[in-house]
Amino acid sequence: MAVIKTIDVVGVSERSWHDAAQQALDEAAKTIRHIEGMDILGTSAVIEDNKIKEYHTHVQLRFRLERS
């Protein structure tokens, strides 16, 4: 029987919300194995001088827990 765990992370990018989601996945994949899926929970931005300074993408990652 498999057990799937989820975690929420927020990726940050100066380019796009898509890139911010990829940044979140890339960083999580450095320490989490068996990532199987991602849901986009929301997007937001930091504004400075009437321009978008940072794109933020809130994602939920799904991965299988390993049995020992």
PDB file of N, CA and C in Angstrom:
ATOM      1  N   MET A   1       0.841  -1.177   0.000  1.00  0.00           N
ATOM      2  CA  MET A   1       0.000   0.000   0.000  1.00  0.00           C
ATOM      3  C   MET A   1       0.886   1.241   0.000  1.00  0.00           C
ATOM      4  N   ALA A   2       0.522   2.225  -0.796  1.00  0.00           N
ATOM      5  CA  ALA A   2       1.288   3.462  -0.898  1.00  0.00           C
ATOM      6  C   ALA A   2       0.629   4.557  -0.071  1.00  0.00           C
ATOM      7  N   VAL A   3       1.468   5.447   0.428  1.00  0.00           N
ATOM      8  CA  VAL A   3       0.996   6.638   1.114  1.00  0.00           C
ATOM      9  C   VAL A   3       1.606   7.833   0.402  1.00  0.00           C
ATOM     10  N   ILE A   4       0.759   8.793   0.069  1.00  0.00           N
ATOM     11  CA  ILE A   4       1.225   9.984  -0.619  1.00  0.00           C
ATOM     12  C   ILE A   4       1.133  11.168   0.334  1.00  0.00           C
ATOM     13  N   LYS A   5       2.214  11.922   0.403  1.00  0.00           N
ATOM     14  CA  LYS A   5       2.285  13.104   1.272  1.00  0.00           C
ATOM     15  C   LYS A   5       2.242  14.345   0.388  1.00  0.00           C
ATOM     16  N   THR A   6       1.736  15.441   0.946  1.00  0.00           N
ATOM     17  CA  THR A   6       1.746  16.712   0.222  1.00  0.00           C
ATOM     18  C   THR A   6       2.449  17.772   1.064  1.00  0.00           C
ATOM     19  N   ILE A   7       3.080  18.693   0.363  1.00  0.00           N
ATOM     20  CA  ILE A   7       3.661  19.873   1.009  1.00  0.00           C
ATOM     21  C   ILE A   7       3.329  21.090   0.157  1.00  0.00           C
ATOM     22  N   ASP A   8       3.208  22.222   0.803  1.00  0.00           N
ATOM     23  CA  ASP A   8       2.985  23.485   0.104  1.00  0.00           C
ATOM     24  C   ASP A   8       4.273  24.288   0.106  1.00  0.00           C
ATOM     25  N   VAL A   9       4.623  24.812  -1.051  1.00  0.00           N
ATOM     26  CA  VAL A   9       5.787  25.690  -1.163  1.00  0.00           C
ATOM     27  C   VAL A   9       5.429  26.848  -2.095  1.00  0.00           C
ATOM     28  N   VAL A  10       6.182  27.925  -1.999  1.00  0.00           N
ATOM     29  CA  VAL A  10       5.983  29.075  -2.870  1.00  0.00           C
ATOM     30  C   VAL A  10       7.272  29.316  -3.641  1.00  0.00           C
ATOM     31  N   GLY A  11       7.177  29.247  -4.952  1.00  0.00           N
ATOM     32  CA  GLY A  11       8.316  29.545  -5.813  1.00  0.00           C
ATOM     33  C   GLY A  11       8.330  31.029  -6.142  1.00  0.00           C
ATOM     34  N   VAL A  12       9.523  31.565  -6.342  1.00  0.00           N
ATOM     35  CA  VAL A  12       9.698  32.992  -6.627  1.00  0.00           C
ATOM     36  C   VAL A  12      10.530  33.142  -7.895  1.00  0.00           C
ATOM     37  N   SER A  13      10.104  34.063  -8.763  1.00  0.00           N
ATOM     38  CA  SER A  13      10.829  34.315 -10.007  1.00  0.00           C
ATOM     39  C   SER A  13      10.720  35.788 -10.370  1.00  0.00           C
ATOM     40  N   GLU A  14      11.688  36.286 -11.074  1.00  0.00           N
ATOM     41  CA  GLU A  14      11.615  37.641 -11.623  1.00  0.00           C
ATOM     42  C   GLU A  14      11.063  37.634 -13.045  1.00  0.00           C
ATOM     43  N   ARG A  15      10.770  36.425 -13.595  1.00  0.00           N
ATOM     44  CA  ARG A  15      10.340  36.312 -14.994  1.00  0.00           C
ATOM     45  C   ARG A  15       8.857  36.034 -15.191  1.00  0.00           C
ATOM     46  N   SER A  16       8.307  35.012 -14.467  1.00  0.00           N
ATOM     47  CA  SER A  16       6.911  34.629 -14.722  1.00  0.00           C
ATOM     48  C   SER A  16       6.401  33.722 -13.613  1.00  0.00           C
ATOM     49  N   TRP A  17       5.053  33.541 -13.586  1.00  0.00           N
ATOM     50  CA  TRP A  17       4.470  32.609 -12.634  1.00  0.00           C
ATOM     51  C   TRP A  17       4.851  31.185 -12.991  1.00  0.00           C
ATOM     52  N   HIS A  18       4.934  30.893 -14.277  1.00  0.00           N
ATOM     53  CA  HIS A  18       5.364  29.559 -14.719  1.00  0.00           C
ATOM     54  C   HIS A  18       6.767  29.257 -14.210  1.00  0.00           C
ATOM     55  N   ASP A  19       7.663  30.199 -14.374  1.00  0.00           N
ATOM     56  CA  ASP A  19       9.037  30.012 -13.900  1.00  0.00           C
ATOM     57  C   ASP A  19       9.072  29.878 -12.383  1.00  0.00           C
ATOM     58  N   ALA A  20       8.229  30.623 -11.675  1.00  0.00           N
ATOM     59  CA  ALA A  20       8.176  30.504 -10.216  1.00  0.00           C
ATOM     60  C   ALA A  20       7.745  29.101  -9.800  1.00  0.00           C
ATOM     61  N   ALA A  21       6.773  28.513 -10.513  1.00  0.00           N
ATOM     62  CA  ALA A  21       6.351  27.133 -10.229  1.00  0.00           C
ATOM     63  C   ALA A  21       7.501  26.171 -10.474  1.00  0.00           C
ATOM     64  N   GLN A  22       8.234  26.369 -11.559  1.00  0.00           N
ATOM     65  CA  GLN A  22       9.379  25.503 -11.860  1.00  0.00           C
ATOM     66  C   GLN A  22      10.463  25.646 -10.801  1.00  0.00           C
ATOM     67  N   GLN A  23      10.682  26.869 -10.314  1.00  0.00           N
ATOM     68  CA  GLN A  23      11.672  27.090  -9.253  1.00  0.00           C
ATOM     69  C   GLN A  23      11.282  26.333  -7.987  1.00  0.00           C
ATOM     70  N   ALA A  24      10.000  26.345  -7.652  1.00  0.00           N
ATOM     71  CA  ALA A  24       9.525  25.603  -6.478  1.00  0.00           C
ATOM     72  C   ALA A  24       9.791  24.116  -6.644  1.00  0.00           C
ATOM     73  N   LEU A  25       9.469  23.581  -7.816  1.00  0.00           N
ATOM     74  CA  LEU A  25       9.701  22.159  -8.083  1.00  0.00           C
ATOM     75  C   LEU A  25      11.185  21.825  -8.061  1.00  0.00           C
ATOM     76  N   ASP A  26      11.992  22.626  -8.712  1.00  0.00           N
ATOM     77  CA  ASP A  26      13.441  22.367  -8.763  1.00  0.00           C
ATOM     78  C   ASP A  26      14.055  22.358  -7.371  1.00  0.00           C
ATOM     79  N   GLU A  27      13.672  23.298  -6.540  1.00  0.00           N
ATOM     80  CA  GLU A  27      14.245  23.378  -5.191  1.00  0.00           C
ATOM     81  C   GLU A  27      13.778  22.203  -4.326  1.00  0.00           C
ATOM     82  N   ALA A  28      12.494  21.874  -4.399  1.00  0.00           N
ATOM     83  CA  ALA A  28      11.965  20.751  -3.611  1.00  0.00           C
ATOM     84  C   ALA A  28      12.605  19.433  -4.033  1.00  0.00           C
ATOM     85  N   ALA A  29      12.857  19.279  -5.323  1.00  0.00           N
ATOM     86  CA  ALA A  29      13.422  18.031  -5.841  1.00  0.00           C
ATOM     87  C   ALA A  29      14.853  17.786  -5.354  1.00  0.00           C
ATOM     88  N   LYS A  30      15.490  18.795  -4.798  1.00  0.00           N
ATOM     89  CA  LYS A  30      16.838  18.612  -4.250  1.00  0.00           C
ATOM     90  C   LYS A  30      16.818  17.748  -2.995  1.00  0.00           C
ATOM     91  N   THR A  31      15.691  17.737  -2.270  1.00  0.00           N
ATOM     92  CA  THR A  31      15.638  16.983  -1.013  1.00  0.00           C
ATOM     93  C   THR A  31      14.470  15.993  -0.940  1.00  0.00           C
ATOM     94  N   ILE A  32      13.568  16.025  -1.906  1.00  0.00           N
ATOM     95  CA  ILE A  32      12.406  15.131  -1.883  1.00  0.00           C
ATOM     96  C   ILE A  32      12.461  14.220  -3.103  1.00  0.00           C
ATOM     97  N   ARG A  33      12.318  12.915  -2.849  1.00  0.00           N
ATOM     98  CA  ARG A  33      12.301  11.943  -3.944  1.00  0.00           C
ATOM     99  C   ARG A  33      10.860  11.575  -4.286  1.00  0.00           C
ATOM    100  N   HIS A  34      10.674  11.059  -5.475  1.00  0.00           N
ATOM    101  CA  HIS A  34       9.392  10.499  -5.925  1.00  0.00           C
ATOM    102  C   HIS A  34       8.270  11.527  -6.012  1.00  0.00           C
ATOM    103  N   ILE A  35       8.586  12.749  -6.419  1.00  0.00           N
ATOM    104  CA  ILE A  35       7.531  13.744  -6.629  1.00  0.00           C
ATOM    105  C   ILE A  35       6.702  13.286  -7.826  1.00  0.00           C
ATOM    106  N   GLU A  36       5.388  13.210  -7.631  1.00  0.00           N
ATOM    107  CA  GLU A  36       4.508  12.676  -8.666  1.00  0.00           C
ATOM    108  C   GLU A  36       3.559  13.696  -9.272  1.00  0.00           C
ATOM    109  N   GLY A  37       3.343  14.805  -8.589  1.00  0.00           N
ATOM    110  CA  GLY A  37       2.396  15.773  -9.128  1.00  0.00           C
ATOM    111  C   GLY A  37       2.474  17.095  -8.412  1.00  0.00           C
ATOM    112  N   MET A  38       1.838  18.086  -9.038  1.00  0.00           N
ATOM    113  CA  MET A  38       1.839  19.433  -8.480  1.00  0.00           C
ATOM    114  C   MET A  38       0.500  20.091  -8.813  1.00  0.00           C
ATOM    115  N   ASP A  39      -0.078  20.752  -7.823  1.00  0.00           N
ATOM    116  CA  ASP A  39      -1.266  21.578  -8.032  1.00  0.00           C
ATOM    117  C   ASP A  39      -0.883  23.029  -7.803  1.00  0.00           C
ATOM    118  N   ILE A  40      -1.347  23.896  -8.670  1.00  0.00           N
ATOM    119  CA  ILE A  40      -1.134  25.325  -8.490  1.00  0.00           C
ATOM    120  C   ILE A  40      -2.256  25.838  -7.594  1.00  0.00           C
ATOM    121  N   LEU A  41      -1.908  26.325  -6.407  1.00  0.00           N
ATOM    122  CA  LEU A  41      -2.903  26.798  -5.455  1.00  0.00           C
ATOM    123  C   LEU A  41      -3.188  28.284  -5.613  1.00  0.00           C
ATOM    124  N   GLY A  42      -2.236  29.017  -6.162  1.00  0.00           N
ATOM    125  CA  GLY A  42      -2.459  30.442  -6.339  1.00  0.00           C
ATOM    126  C   GLY A  42      -1.221  31.145  -6.851  1.00  0.00           C
ATOM    127  N   THR A  43      -1.433  32.350  -7.324  1.00  0.00           N
ATOM    128  CA  THR A  43      -0.322  33.178  -7.792  1.00  0.00           C
ATOM    129  C   THR A  43      -0.484  34.575  -7.206  1.00  0.00           C
ATOM    130  N   SER A  44       0.640  35.253  -7.062  1.00  0.00           N
ATOM    131  CA  SER A  44       0.632  36.627  -6.583  1.00  0.00           C
ATOM    132  C   SER A  44       1.901  37.300  -7.089  1.00  0.00           C
ATOM    133  N   ALA A  45       2.008  38.583  -6.811  1.00  0.00           N
ATOM    134  CA  ALA A  45       3.182  39.321  -7.273  1.00  0.00           C
ATOM    135  C   ALA A  45       3.540  40.415  -6.285  1.00  0.00           C
ATOM    136  N   VAL A  46       4.810  40.760  -6.291  1.00  0.00           N
ATOM    137  CA  VAL A  46       5.313  41.904  -5.525  1.00  0.00           C
ATOM    138  C   VAL A  46       5.471  43.044  -6.520  1.00  0.00           C
ATOM    139  N   ILE A  47       4.903  44.191  -6.185  1.00  0.00           N
ATOM    140  CA  ILE A  47       4.929  45.353  -7.079  1.00  0.00           C
ATOM    141  C   ILE A  47       5.878  46.408  -6.527  1.00  0.00           C
ATOM    142  N   GLU A  48       6.661  46.982  -7.431  1.00  0.00           N
ATOM    143  CA  GLU A  48       7.560  48.080  -7.065  1.00  0.00           C
ATOM    144  C   GLU A  48       7.568  49.084  -8.208  1.00  0.00           C
ATOM    145  N   ASP A  49       7.319  50.329  -7.902  1.00  0.00           N
ATOM    146  CA  ASP A  49       7.274  51.390  -8.921  1.00  0.00           C
ATOM    147  C   ASP A  49       6.305  51.041 -10.057  1.00  0.00           C
ATOM    148  N   ASN A  50       5.135  50.526  -9.685  1.00  0.00           N
ATOM    149  CA  ASN A  50       4.085  50.160 -10.635  1.00  0.00           C
ATOM    150  C   ASN A  50       4.492  49.087 -11.639  1.00  0.00           C
ATOM    151  N   LYS A  51       5.478  48.263 -11.270  1.00  0.00           N
ATOM    152  CA  LYS A  51       5.905  47.147 -12.119  1.00  0.00           C
ATOM    153  C   LYS A  51       6.025  45.895 -11.258  1.00  0.00           C
ATOM    154  N   ILE A  52       5.827  44.749 -11.889  1.00  0.00           N
ATOM    155  CA  ILE A  52       5.989  43.492 -11.159  1.00  0.00           C
ATOM    156  C   ILE A  52       7.473  43.250 -10.918  1.00  0.00           C
ATOM    157  N   LYS A  53       7.827  43.148  -9.642  1.00  0.00           N
ATOM    158  CA  LYS A  53       9.218  42.888  -9.252  1.00  0.00           C
ATOM    159  C   LYS A  53       9.463  41.394  -9.122  1.00  0.00           C
ATOM    160  N   GLU A  54       8.496  40.672  -8.504  1.00  0.00           N
ATOM    161  CA  GLU A  54       8.626  39.221  -8.306  1.00  0.00           C
ATOM    162  C   GLU A  54       7.281  38.557  -8.548  1.00  0.00           C
ATOM    163  N   TYR A  55       7.332  37.405  -9.186  1.00  0.00           N
ATOM    164  CA  TYR A  55       6.170  36.547  -9.359  1.00  0.00           C
ATOM    165  C   TYR A  55       6.248  35.441  -8.316  1.00  0.00           C
ATOM    166  N   HIS A  56       5.145  35.172  -7.630  1.00  0.00           N
ATOM    167  CA  HIS A  56       5.089  34.103  -6.634  1.00  0.00           C
ATOM    168  C   HIS A  56       4.028  33.101  -7.070  1.00  0.00           C
ATOM    169  N   THR A  57       4.381  31.820  -7.021  1.00  0.00           N
ATOM    170  CA  THR A  57       3.421  30.763  -7.329  1.00  0.00           C
ATOM    171  C   THR A  57       3.383  29.793  -6.157  1.00  0.00           C
ATOM    172  N   HIS A  58       2.208  29.664  -5.555  1.00  0.00           N
ATOM    173  CA  HIS A  58       1.983  28.773  -4.413  1.00  0.00           C
ATOM    174  C   HIS A  58       1.565  27.416  -4.980  1.00  0.00           C
ATOM    175  N   VAL A  59       2.366  26.391  -4.716  1.00  0.00           N
ATOM    176  CA  VAL A  59       2.092  25.057  -5.253  1.00  0.00           C
ATOM    177  C   VAL A  59       2.001  24.025  -4.136  1.00  0.00           C
ATOM    178  N   GLN A  60       1.273  22.962  -4.414  1.00  0.00           N
ATOM    179  CA  GLN A  60       1.220  21.804  -3.524  1.00  0.00           C
ATOM    180  C   GLN A  60       1.837  20.646  -4.286  1.00  0.00           C
ATOM    181  N   LEU A  61       2.891  20.066  -3.715  1.00  0.00           N
ATOM    182  CA  LEU A  61       3.589  18.943  -4.341  1.00  0.00           C
ATOM    183  C   LEU A  61       3.149  17.632  -3.696  1.00  0.00           C
ATOM    184  N   ARG A  62       3.011  16.585  -4.518  1.00  0.00           N
ATOM    185  CA  ARG A  62       2.648  15.254  -4.029  1.00  0.00           C
ATOM    186  C   ARG A  62       3.813  14.294  -4.268  1.00  0.00           C
ATOM    187  N   PHE A  63       4.122  13.497  -3.231  1.00  0.00           N
ATOM    188  CA  PHE A  63       5.183  12.504  -3.389  1.00  0.00           C
ATOM    189  C   PHE A  63       4.882  11.292  -2.529  1.00  0.00           C
ATOM    190  N   ARG A  64       5.391  10.146  -2.962  1.00  0.00           N
ATOM    191  CA  ARG A  64       5.179   8.893  -2.231  1.00  0.00           C
ATOM    192  C   ARG A  64       6.177   8.756  -1.096  1.00  0.00           C
ATOM    193  N   LEU A  65       5.684   8.321   0.049  1.00  0.00           N
ATOM    194  CA  LEU A  65       6.578   8.039   1.170  1.00  0.00           C
ATOM    195  C   LEU A  65       7.230   6.689   0.951  1.00  0.00           C
ATOM    196  N   GLU A  66       8.507   6.611   1.293  1.00  0.00           N
ATOM    197  CA  GLU A  66       9.245   5.358   1.153  1.00  0.00           C
ATOM    198  C   GLU A  66       9.066   4.503   2.377  1.00  0.00           C
ATOM    199  N   ARG A  67       8.972   3.217   2.159  1.00  0.00           N
ATOM    200  CA  ARG A  67       8.932   2.279   3.281  1.00  0.00           C
ATOM    201  C   ARG A  67      10.369   1.892   3.619  1.00  0.00           C
ATOM    202  N   SER A  68      10.613   1.698   4.913  1.00  0.00           N
ATOM    203  CA  SER A  68      11.968   1.288   5.306  1.00  0.00           C
ATOM    204  C   SER A  68      12.058  -0.193   5.525  1.00  0.00           C
TER     205      SER A  68
END
